[in-house]
Amino acid sequence: MAKSSFKLEHPLERRQAEAVIVERAEKSDVPDIDKKKYLVPADLTVGQFVYVVRKRIKLSPEKAIFIFVKNILPPTAGMMSAIYEENKDEDGFLYMTYSGENTFGMLM
């Protein structure tokens, strides 16, 4: 069986370091995400990752979204690699939850 080109280009350590699991918070009013596991480049900021999540859940512009790591809101300008290193689980994954609220008070 041929090795994956991704595996050949990226060592195991780097592949594990880029693995992020994103799940919706229990009582959140935003839609559930279609894909929970992401390979996130180390140079991506939290703000850029939030944009990716917004697109995946097709969140309307008037809705806010908040990403949490261990129930703490990471800085938007923070690097995902730093957040990963500080908060990764013992299994090698970074677990994040997202939640939202309607910032303009509009009802659907």
PDB file of N, CA and C in Angstrom:
ATOM      1  N   MET A   1       0.839  -1.174   0.000  1.00  0.00           N
ATOM      2  CA  MET A   1       0.000   0.000   0.000  1.00  0.00           C
ATOM      3  C   MET A   1       0.889   1.244   0.000  1.00  0.00           C
ATOM      4  N   ALA A   2       0.614   2.167  -0.900  1.00  0.00           N
ATOM      5  CA  ALA A   2       1.406   3.387  -1.018  1.00  0.00           C
ATOM      6  C   ALA A   2       1.107   4.331   0.141  1.00  0.00           C
ATOM      7  N   LYS A   3       2.154   5.023   0.574  1.00  0.00           N
ATOM      8  CA  LYS A   3       1.976   5.991   1.656  1.00  0.00           C
ATOM      9  C   LYS A   3       1.285   7.240   1.125  1.00  0.00           C
ATOM     10  N   SER A   4       0.484   7.845   1.960  1.00  0.00           N
ATOM     11  CA  SER A   4      -0.195   9.089   1.621  1.00  0.00           C
ATOM     12  C   SER A   4       0.833  10.190   1.394  1.00  0.00           C
ATOM     13  N   SER A   5       0.599  11.039   0.393  1.00  0.00           N
ATOM     14  CA  SER A   5       1.533  12.135   0.141  1.00  0.00           C
ATOM     15  C   SER A   5       1.542  13.111   1.313  1.00  0.00           C
ATOM     16  N   PHE A   6       0.398  13.276   1.972  1.00  0.00           N
ATOM     17  CA  PHE A   6       0.342  14.150   3.149  1.00  0.00           C
ATOM     18  C   PHE A   6       1.244  13.601   4.246  1.00  0.00           C
ATOM     19  N   LYS A   7       1.202  12.269   4.439  1.00  0.00           N
ATOM     20  CA  LYS A   7       2.049  11.647   5.459  1.00  0.00           C
ATOM     21  C   LYS A   7       3.522  11.802   5.112  1.00  0.00           C
ATOM     22  N   LEU A   8       3.841  11.709   3.828  1.00  0.00           N
ATOM     23  CA  LEU A   8       5.228  11.842   3.408  1.00  0.00           C
ATOM     24  C   LEU A   8       5.730  13.274   3.595  1.00  0.00           C
ATOM     25  N   GLU A   9       4.869  14.244   3.360  1.00  0.00           N
ATOM     26  CA  GLU A   9       5.261  15.650   3.442  1.00  0.00           C
ATOM     27  C   GLU A   9       5.270  16.194   4.871  1.00  0.00           C
ATOM     28  N   HIS A  10       4.484  15.595   5.753  1.00  0.00           N
ATOM     29  CA  HIS A  10       4.341  16.120   7.109  1.00  0.00           C
ATOM     30  C   HIS A  10       4.632  15.026   8.132  1.00  0.00           C
ATOM     31  N   PRO A  11       5.636  15.219   8.987  1.00  0.00           N
ATOM     32  CA  PRO A  11       5.949  14.206   9.999  1.00  0.00           C
ATOM     33  C   PRO A  11       4.795  14.027  10.989  1.00  0.00           C
ATOM     34  N   LEU A  12       4.758  12.862  11.636  1.00  0.00           N
ATOM     35  CA  LEU A  12       3.694  12.522  12.585  1.00  0.00           C
ATOM     36  C   LEU A  12       3.514  13.610  13.638  1.00  0.00           C
ATOM     37  N   GLU A  13       4.614  14.102  14.167  1.00  0.00           N
ATOM     38  CA  GLU A  13       4.553  15.131  15.205  1.00  0.00           C
ATOM     39  C   GLU A  13       3.772  16.356  14.719  1.00  0.00           C
ATOM     40  N   ARG A  14       4.043  16.764  13.487  1.00  0.00           N
ATOM     41  CA  ARG A  14       3.353  17.936  12.933  1.00  0.00           C
ATOM     42  C   ARG A  14       1.883  17.629  12.666  1.00  0.00           C
ATOM     43  N   ARG A  15       1.599  16.433  12.156  1.00  0.00           N
ATOM     44  CA  ARG A  15       0.198  16.067  11.888  1.00  0.00           C
ATOM     45  C   ARG A  15      -0.599  16.075  13.178  1.00  0.00           C
ATOM     46  N   GLN A  16      -0.026  15.545  14.249  1.00  0.00           N
ATOM     47  CA  GLN A  16      -0.719  15.531  15.536  1.00  0.00           C
ATOM     48  C   GLN A  16      -0.874  16.946  16.078  1.00  0.00           C
ATOM     49  N   ALA A  17       0.132  17.768  15.860  1.00  0.00           N
ATOM     50  CA  ALA A  17       0.106  19.134  16.380  1.00  0.00           C
ATOM     51  C   ALA A  17      -0.940  19.995  15.693  1.00  0.00           C
ATOM     52  N   GLU A  18      -1.407  19.574  14.545  1.00  0.00           N
ATOM     53  CA  GLU A  18      -2.383  20.365  13.804  1.00  0.00           C
ATOM     54  C   GLU A  18      -3.809  19.884  14.021  1.00  0.00           C
ATOM     55  N   ALA A  19      -4.010  18.847  14.808  1.00  0.00           N
ATOM     56  CA  ALA A  19      -5.336  18.251  14.956  1.00  0.00           C
ATOM     57  C   ALA A  19      -6.171  18.991  16.002  1.00  0.00           C
ATOM     58  N   VAL A  20      -7.327  19.492  15.546  1.00  0.00           N
ATOM     59  CA  VAL A  20      -8.239  20.235  16.410  1.00  0.00           C
ATOM     60  C   VAL A  20      -9.628  19.623  16.289  1.00  0.00           C
ATOM     61  N   ILE A  21     -10.272  19.395  17.423  1.00  0.00           N
ATOM     62  CA  ILE A  21     -11.643  18.884  17.460  1.00  0.00           C
ATOM     63  C   ILE A  21     -12.545  20.039  17.889  1.00  0.00           C
ATOM     64  N   VAL A  22     -13.574  20.324  17.088  1.00  0.00           N
ATOM     65  CA  VAL A  22     -14.488  21.433  17.366  1.00  0.00           C
ATOM     66  C   VAL A  22     -15.894  20.884  17.541  1.00  0.00           C
ATOM     67  N   GLU A  23     -16.530  21.224  18.668  1.00  0.00           N
ATOM     68  CA  GLU A  23     -17.892  20.768  18.944  1.00  0.00           C
ATOM     69  C   GLU A  23     -18.737  21.933  19.442  1.00  0.00           C
ATOM     70  N   ARG A  24     -20.028  21.847  19.188  1.00  0.00           N
ATOM     71  CA  ARG A  24     -20.955  22.881  19.647  1.00  0.00           C
ATOM     72  C   ARG A  24     -21.178  22.735  21.152  1.00  0.00           C
ATOM     73  N   ALA A  25     -21.251  23.852  21.839  1.00  0.00           N
ATOM     74  CA  ALA A  25     -21.564  23.838  23.270  1.00  0.00           C
ATOM     75  C   ALA A  25     -22.981  23.308  23.459  1.00  0.00           C
ATOM     76  N   GLU A  26     -23.227  22.648  24.575  1.00  0.00           N
ATOM     77  CA  GLU A  26     -24.498  21.957  24.817  1.00  0.00           C
ATOM     78  C   GLU A  26     -25.738  22.812  24.619  1.00  0.00           C
ATOM     79  N   LYS A  27     -25.784  23.981  25.213  1.00  0.00           N
ATOM     80  CA  LYS A  27     -27.002  24.792  25.158  1.00  0.00           C
ATOM     81  C   LYS A  27     -26.895  25.934  24.159  1.00  0.00           C
ATOM     82  N   SER A  28     -26.074  25.771  23.151  1.00  0.00           N
ATOM     83  CA  SER A  28     -25.859  26.816  22.162  1.00  0.00           C
ATOM     84  C   SER A  28     -27.026  26.895  21.182  1.00  0.00           C
ATOM     85  N   ASP A  29     -27.289  28.104  20.704  1.00  0.00           N
ATOM     86  CA  ASP A  29     -28.367  28.299  19.738  1.00  0.00           C
ATOM     87  C   ASP A  29     -27.864  28.330  18.295  1.00  0.00           C
ATOM     88  N   VAL A  30     -26.582  28.078  18.079  1.00  0.00           N
ATOM     89  CA  VAL A  30     -26.046  28.055  16.718  1.00  0.00           C
ATOM     90  C   VAL A  30     -26.111  26.634  16.164  1.00  0.00           C
ATOM     91  N   PRO A  31     -26.102  26.499  14.830  1.00  0.00           N
ATOM     92  CA  PRO A  31     -26.199  25.164  14.224  1.00  0.00           C
ATOM     93  C   PRO A  31     -25.017  24.260  14.583  1.00  0.00           C
ATOM     94  N   ASP A  32     -25.247  22.966  14.477  1.00  0.00           N
ATOM     95  CA  ASP A  32     -24.184  21.989  14.700  1.00  0.00           C
ATOM     96  C   ASP A  32     -23.254  22.001  13.490  1.00  0.00           C
ATOM     97  N   ILE A  33     -21.995  21.750  13.714  1.00  0.00           N
ATOM     98  CA  ILE A  33     -21.008  21.769  12.639  1.00  0.00           C
ATOM     99  C   ILE A  33     -20.984  20.415  11.935  1.00  0.00           C
ATOM    100  N   ASP A  34     -20.742  20.433  10.630  1.00  0.00           N
ATOM    101  CA  ASP A  34     -20.791  19.196   9.846  1.00  0.00           C
ATOM    102  C   ASP A  34     -19.530  18.354   9.982  1.00  0.00           C
ATOM    103  N   LYS A  35     -18.448  18.963  10.383  1.00  0.00           N
ATOM    104  CA  LYS A  35     -17.166  18.265  10.486  1.00  0.00           C
ATOM    105  C   LYS A  35     -16.524  18.689  11.800  1.00  0.00           C
ATOM    106  N   LYS A  36     -16.121  17.734  12.603  1.00  0.00           N
ATOM    107  CA  LYS A  36     -15.600  18.065  13.927  1.00  0.00           C
ATOM    108  C   LYS A  36     -14.075  18.084  14.018  1.00  0.00           C
ATOM    109  N   LYS A  37     -13.388  17.370  13.129  1.00  0.00           N
ATOM    110  CA  LYS A  37     -11.931  17.279  13.200  1.00  0.00           C
ATOM    111  C   LYS A  37     -11.304  18.107  12.078  1.00  0.00           C
ATOM    112  N   TYR A  38     -10.347  18.935  12.447  1.00  0.00           N
ATOM    113  CA  TYR A  38      -9.681  19.807  11.483  1.00  0.00           C
ATOM    114  C   TYR A  38      -8.174  19.698  11.623  1.00  0.00           C
ATOM    115  N   LEU A  39      -7.493  19.758  10.499  1.00  0.00           N
ATOM    116  CA  LEU A  39      -6.040  19.883  10.493  1.00  0.00           C
ATOM    117  C   LEU A  39      -5.766  21.363  10.303  1.00  0.00           C
ATOM    118  N   VAL A  40      -5.257  21.996  11.327  1.00  0.00           N
ATOM    119  CA  VAL A  40      -5.105  23.445  11.340  1.00  0.00           C
ATOM    120  C   VAL A  40      -3.631  23.808  11.211  1.00  0.00           C
ATOM    121  N   PRO A  41      -3.278  24.617  10.213  1.00  0.00           N
ATOM    122  CA  PRO A  41      -1.885  25.051  10.088  1.00  0.00           C
ATOM    123  C   PRO A  41      -1.442  25.810  11.338  1.00  0.00           C
ATOM    124  N   ALA A  42      -0.211  25.614  11.735  1.00  0.00           N
ATOM    125  CA  ALA A  42       0.311  26.220  12.961  1.00  0.00           C
ATOM    126  C   ALA A  42       0.302  27.745  12.902  1.00  0.00           C
ATOM    127  N   ASP A  43       0.387  28.321  11.699  1.00  0.00           N
ATOM    128  CA  ASP A  43       0.456  29.781  11.583  1.00  0.00           C
ATOM    129  C   ASP A  43      -0.913  30.451  11.471  1.00  0.00           C
ATOM    130  N   LEU A  44      -1.983  29.706  11.671  1.00  0.00           N
ATOM    131  CA  LEU A  44      -3.335  30.258  11.626  1.00  0.00           C
ATOM    132  C   LEU A  44      -3.654  30.920  12.967  1.00  0.00           C
ATOM    133  N   THR A  45      -4.324  32.076  12.923  1.00  0.00           N
ATOM    134  CA  THR A  45      -4.733  32.719  14.170  1.00  0.00           C
ATOM    135  C   THR A  45      -6.091  32.176  14.599  1.00  0.00           C
ATOM    136  N   VAL A  46      -6.438  32.416  15.852  1.00  0.00           N
ATOM    137  CA  VAL A  46      -7.743  31.995  16.365  1.00  0.00           C
ATOM    138  C   VAL A  46      -8.845  32.679  15.559  1.00  0.00           C
ATOM    139  N   GLY A  47      -8.669  33.955  15.246  1.00  0.00           N
ATOM    140  CA  GLY A  47      -9.655  34.690  14.457  1.00  0.00           C
ATOM    141  C   GLY A  47      -9.885  34.068  13.092  1.00  0.00           C
ATOM    142  N   GLN A  48      -8.816  33.635  12.436  1.00  0.00           N
ATOM    143  CA  GLN A  48      -8.943  32.980  11.137  1.00  0.00           C
ATOM    144  C   GLN A  48      -9.658  31.644  11.275  1.00  0.00           C
ATOM    145  N   PHE A  49      -9.394  30.932  12.366  1.00  0.00           N
ATOM    146  CA  PHE A  49     -10.060  29.653  12.584  1.00  0.00           C
ATOM    147  C   PHE A  49     -11.547  29.863  12.862  1.00  0.00           C
ATOM    148  N   VAL A  50     -11.885  30.924  13.593  1.00  0.00           N
ATOM    149  CA  VAL A  50     -13.294  31.252  13.842  1.00  0.00           C
ATOM    150  C   VAL A  50     -14.007  31.479  12.509  1.00  0.00           C
ATOM    151  N   TYR A  51     -13.339  32.138  11.574  1.00  0.00           N
ATOM    152  CA  TYR A  51     -13.911  32.369  10.244  1.00  0.00           C
ATOM    153  C   TYR A  51     -14.213  31.037   9.551  1.00  0.00           C
ATOM    154  N   VAL A  52     -13.303  30.085   9.655  1.00  0.00           N
ATOM    155  CA  VAL A  52     -13.509  28.757   9.067  1.00  0.00           C
ATOM    156  C   VAL A  52     -14.737  28.087   9.689  1.00  0.00           C
ATOM    157  N   VAL A  53     -14.842  28.154  11.005  1.00  0.00           N
ATOM    158  CA  VAL A  53     -15.983  27.551  11.701  1.00  0.00           C
ATOM    159  C   VAL A  53     -17.286  28.228  11.273  1.00  0.00           C
ATOM    160  N   ARG A  54     -17.289  29.560  11.196  1.00  0.00           N
ATOM    161  CA  ARG A  54     -18.491  30.299  10.760  1.00  0.00           C
ATOM    162  C   ARG A  54     -18.962  29.815   9.391  1.00  0.00           C
ATOM    163  N   LYS A  55     -18.005  29.639   8.477  1.00  0.00           N
ATOM    164  CA  LYS A  55     -18.361  29.175   7.132  1.00  0.00           C
ATOM    165  C   LYS A  55     -18.932  27.765   7.159  1.00  0.00           C
ATOM    166  N   ARG A  56     -18.356  26.886   7.985  1.00  0.00           N
ATOM    167  CA  ARG A  56     -18.812  25.490   8.040  1.00  0.00           C
ATOM    168  C   ARG A  56     -20.221  25.369   8.600  1.00  0.00           C
ATOM    169  N   ILE A  57     -20.592  26.238   9.537  1.00  0.00           N
ATOM    170  CA  ILE A  57     -21.935  26.141  10.124  1.00  0.00           C
ATOM    171  C   ILE A  57     -22.915  27.092   9.441  1.00  0.00           C
ATOM    172  N   LYS A  58     -22.426  27.830   8.437  1.00  0.00           N
ATOM    173  CA  LYS A  58     -23.270  28.757   7.672  1.00  0.00           C
ATOM    174  C   LYS A  58     -24.009  29.728   8.596  1.00  0.00           C
ATOM    175  N   LEU A  59     -23.246  30.382   9.443  1.00  0.00           N
ATOM    176  CA  LEU A  59     -23.801  31.306  10.421  1.00  0.00           C
ATOM    177  C   LEU A  59     -24.054  32.666   9.779  1.00  0.00           C
ATOM    178  N   SER A  60     -25.246  33.220  10.001  1.00  0.00           N
ATOM    179  CA  SER A  60     -25.604  34.517   9.418  1.00  0.00           C
ATOM    180  C   SER A  60     -24.740  35.629  10.028  1.00  0.00           C
ATOM    181  N   PRO A  61     -24.511  36.700   9.260  1.00  0.00           N
ATOM    182  CA  PRO A  61     -23.607  37.768   9.705  1.00  0.00           C
ATOM    183  C   PRO A  61     -24.017  38.458  11.005  1.00  0.00           C
ATOM    184  N   GLU A  62     -25.322  38.506  11.312  1.00  0.00           N
ATOM    185  CA  GLU A  62     -25.748  39.198  12.533  1.00  0.00           C
ATOM    186  C   GLU A  62     -25.555  38.368  13.799  1.00  0.00           C
ATOM    187  N   LYS A  63     -25.137  37.130  13.636  1.00  0.00           N
ATOM    188  CA  LYS A  63     -24.906  36.258  14.799  1.00  0.00           C
ATOM    189  C   LYS A  63     -23.425  36.248  15.169  1.00  0.00           C
ATOM    190  N   ALA A  64     -23.186  36.255  16.462  1.00  0.00           N
ATOM    191  CA  ALA A  64     -21.812  36.170  16.971  1.00  0.00           C
ATOM    192  C   ALA A  64     -21.483  34.709  17.248  1.00  0.00           C
ATOM    193  N   ILE A  65     -20.210  34.417  17.224  1.00  0.00           N
ATOM    194  CA  ILE A  65     -19.762  33.074  17.595  1.00  0.00           C
ATOM    195  C   ILE A  65     -18.551  33.224  18.509  1.00  0.00           C
ATOM    196  N   PHE A  66     -18.511  32.385  19.504  1.00  0.00           N
ATOM    197  CA  PHE A  66     -17.425  32.412  20.472  1.00  0.00           C
ATOM    198  C   PHE A  66     -16.810  31.023  20.540  1.00  0.00           C
ATOM    199  N   ILE A  67     -15.493  30.966  20.442  1.00  0.00           N
ATOM    200  CA  ILE A  67     -14.760  29.702  20.510  1.00  0.00           C
ATOM    201  C   ILE A  67     -14.099  29.623  21.886  1.00  0.00           C
ATOM    202  N   PHE A  68     -14.250  28.478  22.531  1.00  0.00           N
ATOM    203  CA  PHE A  68     -13.683  28.291  23.862  1.00  0.00           C
ATOM    204  C   PHE A  68     -12.724  27.106  23.883  1.00  0.00           C
ATOM    205  N   VAL A  69     -11.670  27.254  24.668  1.00  0.00           N
ATOM    206  CA  VAL A  69     -10.732  26.171  24.940  1.00  0.00           C
ATOM    207  C   VAL A  69     -10.712  26.020  26.456  1.00  0.00           C
ATOM    208  N   LYS A  70     -11.152  24.881  26.939  1.00  0.00           N
ATOM    209  CA  LYS A  70     -11.257  24.646  28.386  1.00  0.00           C
ATOM    210  C   LYS A  70     -12.065  25.755  29.064  1.00  0.00           C
ATOM    211  N   ASN A  71     -13.189  26.113  28.445  1.00  0.00           N
ATOM    212  CA  ASN A  71     -14.107  27.140  28.950  1.00  0.00           C
ATOM    213  C   ASN A  71     -13.496  28.538  29.042  1.00  0.00           C
ATOM    214  N   ILE A  72     -12.431  28.775  28.303  1.00  0.00           N
ATOM    215  CA  ILE A  72     -11.782  30.090  28.267  1.00  0.00           C
ATOM    216  C   ILE A  72     -11.762  30.576  26.823  1.00  0.00           C
ATOM    217  N   LEU A  73     -12.059  31.858  26.634  1.00  0.00           N
ATOM    218  CA  LEU A  73     -12.044  32.472  25.315  1.00  0.00           C
ATOM    219  C   LEU A  73     -10.605  32.834  24.958  1.00  0.00           C
ATOM    220  N   PRO A  74     -10.001  32.166  23.966  1.00  0.00           N
ATOM    221  CA  PRO A  74      -8.616  32.493  23.609  1.00  0.00           C
ATOM    222  C   PRO A  74      -8.560  33.828  22.863  1.00  0.00           C
ATOM    223  N   PRO A  75      -7.418  34.520  22.894  1.00  0.00           N
ATOM    224  CA  PRO A  75      -7.310  35.800  22.177  1.00  0.00           C
ATOM    225  C   PRO A  75      -7.435  35.597  20.670  1.00  0.00           C
ATOM    226  N   THR A  76      -8.171  36.484  20.019  1.00  0.00           N
ATOM    227  CA  THR A  76      -8.418  36.381  18.581  1.00  0.00           C
ATOM    228  C   THR A  76      -7.121  36.392  17.783  1.00  0.00           C
ATOM    229  N   ALA A  77      -6.155  37.169  18.230  1.00  0.00           N
ATOM    230  CA  ALA A  77      -4.881  37.267  17.512  1.00  0.00           C
ATOM    231  C   ALA A  77      -3.911  36.151  17.896  1.00  0.00           C
ATOM    232  N   GLY A  78      -4.290  35.302  18.853  1.00  0.00           N
ATOM    233  CA  GLY A  78      -3.417  34.214  19.283  1.00  0.00           C
ATOM    234  C   GLY A  78      -3.200  33.192  18.181  1.00  0.00           C
ATOM    235  N   MET A  79      -2.016  32.628  18.157  1.00  0.00           N
ATOM    236  CA  MET A  79      -1.699  31.615  17.155  1.00  0.00           C
ATOM    237  C   MET A  79      -2.262  30.270  17.603  1.00  0.00           C
ATOM    238  N   MET A  80      -2.845  29.550  16.666  1.00  0.00           N
ATOM    239  CA  MET A  80      -3.411  28.240  16.982  1.00  0.00           C
ATOM    240  C   MET A  80      -2.335  27.300  17.514  1.00  0.00           C
ATOM    241  N   SER A  81      -1.107  27.439  17.024  1.00  0.00           N
ATOM    242  CA  SER A  81      -0.024  26.568  17.500  1.00  0.00           C
ATOM    243  C   SER A  81       0.247  26.803  18.986  1.00  0.00           C
ATOM    244  N   ALA A  82       0.209  28.058  19.423  1.00  0.00           N
ATOM    245  CA  ALA A  82       0.439  28.369  20.837  1.00  0.00           C
ATOM    246  C   ALA A  82      -0.727  27.868  21.688  1.00  0.00           C
ATOM    247  N   ILE A  83      -1.952  28.063  21.201  1.00  0.00           N
ATOM    248  CA  ILE A  83      -3.139  27.589  21.920  1.00  0.00           C
ATOM    249  C   ILE A  83      -3.071  26.067  22.047  1.00  0.00           C
ATOM    250  N   TYR A  84      -2.654  25.413  20.962  1.00  0.00           N
ATOM    251  CA  TYR A  84      -2.524  23.952  20.975  1.00  0.00           C
ATOM    252  C   TYR A  84      -1.512  23.508  22.026  1.00  0.00           C
ATOM    253  N   GLU A  85      -0.327  24.098  21.995  1.00  0.00           N
ATOM    254  CA  GLU A  85       0.741  23.691  22.920  1.00  0.00           C
ATOM    255  C   GLU A  85       0.335  23.875  24.381  1.00  0.00           C
ATOM    256  N   GLU A  86      -0.404  24.935  24.661  1.00  0.00           N
ATOM    257  CA  GLU A  86      -0.793  25.229  26.040  1.00  0.00           C
ATOM    258  C   GLU A  86      -1.980  24.393  26.515  1.00  0.00           C
ATOM    259  N   ASN A  87      -2.803  23.903  25.583  1.00  0.00           N
ATOM    260  CA  ASN A  87      -4.079  23.303  25.984  1.00  0.00           C
ATOM    261  C   ASN A  87      -4.379  21.926  25.414  1.00  0.00           C
ATOM    262  N   LYS A  88      -3.427  21.317  24.712  1.00  0.00           N
ATOM    263  CA  LYS A  88      -3.722  20.021  24.094  1.00  0.00           C
ATOM    264  C   LYS A  88      -4.032  18.967  25.151  1.00  0.00           C
ATOM    265  N   ASP A  89      -4.873  18.034  24.766  1.00  0.00           N
ATOM    266  CA  ASP A  89      -5.262  16.938  25.639  1.00  0.00           C
ATOM    267  C   ASP A  89      -4.158  15.885  25.627  1.00  0.00           C
ATOM    268  N   GLU A  90      -4.222  14.960  26.559  1.00  0.00           N
ATOM    269  CA  GLU A  90      -3.215  13.891  26.614  1.00  0.00           C
ATOM    270  C   GLU A  90      -3.248  12.997  25.380  1.00  0.00           C
ATOM    271  N   ASP A  91      -4.376  13.000  24.637  1.00  0.00           N
ATOM    272  CA  ASP A  91      -4.457  12.190  23.418  1.00  0.00           C
ATOM    273  C   ASP A  91      -3.867  12.904  22.203  1.00  0.00           C
ATOM    274  N   GLY A  92      -3.360  14.133  22.393  1.00  0.00           N
ATOM    275  CA  GLY A  92      -2.713  14.853  21.305  1.00  0.00           C
ATOM    276  C   GLY A  92      -3.631  15.782  20.538  1.00  0.00           C
ATOM    277  N   PHE A  93      -4.898  15.857  20.914  1.00  0.00           N
ATOM    278  CA  PHE A  93      -5.834  16.731  20.219  1.00  0.00           C
ATOM    279  C   PHE A  93      -6.132  17.974  21.052  1.00  0.00           C
ATOM    280  N   LEU A  94      -6.451  19.053  20.365  1.00  0.00           N
ATOM    281  CA  LEU A  94      -6.927  20.267  21.019  1.00  0.00           C
ATOM    282  C   LEU A  94      -8.443  20.266  20.892  1.00  0.00           C
ATOM    283  N   TYR A  95      -9.139  20.305  22.016  1.00  0.00           N
ATOM    284  CA  TYR A  95     -10.604  20.291  22.006  1.00  0.00           C
ATOM    285  C   TYR A  95     -11.131  21.705  22.195  1.00  0.00           C
ATOM    286  N   MET A  96     -11.990  22.127  21.267  1.00  0.00           N
ATOM    287  CA  MET A  96     -12.585  23.458  21.313  1.00  0.00           C
ATOM    288  C   MET A  96     -14.098  23.317  21.247  1.00  0.00           C
ATOM    289  N   THR A  97     -14.800  24.227  21.890  1.00  0.00           N
ATOM    290  CA  THR A  97     -16.256  24.275  21.764  1.00  0.00           C
ATOM    291  C   THR A  97     -16.623  25.656  21.244  1.00  0.00           C
ATOM    292  N   TYR A  98     -17.772  25.733  20.586  1.00  0.00           N
ATOM    293  CA  TYR A  98     -18.232  27.028  20.103  1.00  0.00           C
ATOM    294  C   TYR A  98     -19.664  27.256  20.547  1.00  0.00           C
ATOM    295  N   SER A  99     -19.981  28.507  20.722  1.00  0.00           N
ATOM    296  CA  SER A  99     -21.312  28.906  21.138  1.00  0.00           C
ATOM    297  C   SER A  99     -21.600  30.252  20.495  1.00  0.00           C
ATOM    298  N   GLY A 100     -22.844  30.631  20.464  1.00  0.00           N
ATOM    299  CA  GLY A 100     -23.186  31.910  19.854  1.00  0.00           C
ATOM    300  C   GLY A 100     -24.345  32.583  20.530  1.00  0.00           C
ATOM    301  N   GLU A 101     -24.519  33.835  20.174  1.00  0.00           N
ATOM    302  CA  GLU A 101     -25.682  34.579  20.616  1.00  0.00           C
ATOM    303  C   GLU A 101     -26.006  35.593  19.541  1.00  0.00           C
ATOM    304  N   ASN A 102     -27.234  36.030  19.506  1.00  0.00           N
ATOM    305  CA  ASN A 102     -27.658  36.996  18.510  1.00  0.00           C
ATOM    306  C   ASN A 102     -27.280  38.385  19.003  1.00  0.00           C
ATOM    307  N   THR A 103     -26.283  39.004  18.382  1.00  0.00           N
ATOM    308  CA  THR A 103     -25.753  40.270  18.889  1.00  0.00           C
ATOM    309  C   THR A 103     -26.650  41.467  18.605  1.00  0.00           C
ATOM    310  N   PHE A 104     -27.571  41.338  17.669  1.00  0.00           N
ATOM    311  CA  PHE A 104     -28.432  42.466  17.321  1.00  0.00           C
ATOM    312  C   PHE A 104     -29.860  42.302  17.812  1.00  0.00           C
ATOM    313  N   GLY A 105     -30.145  41.265  18.565  1.00  0.00           N
ATOM    314  CA  GLY A 105     -31.463  41.072  19.150  1.00  0.00           C
ATOM    315  C   GLY A 105     -32.556  40.711  18.165  1.00  0.00           C
ATOM    316  N   MET A 106     -32.197  40.239  16.990  1.00  0.00           N
ATOM    317  CA  MET A 106     -33.207  39.866  15.992  1.00  0.00           C
ATOM    318  C   MET A 106     -33.666  38.434  16.240  1.00  0.00           C
ATOM    319  N   LEU A 107     -34.937  38.186  16.037  1.00  0.00           N
ATOM    320  CA  LEU A 107     -35.482  36.841  16.192  1.00  0.00           C
ATOM    321  C   LEU A 107     -35.717  36.224  14.832  1.00  0.00           C
ATOM    322  N   MET A 108     -35.540  34.931  14.745  1.00  0.00           N
ATOM    323  CA  MET A 108     -35.795  34.210  13.496  1.00  0.00           C
ATOM    324  C   MET A 108     -37.262  33.891  13.369  1.00  0.00           C
TER     325      MET A 108
END
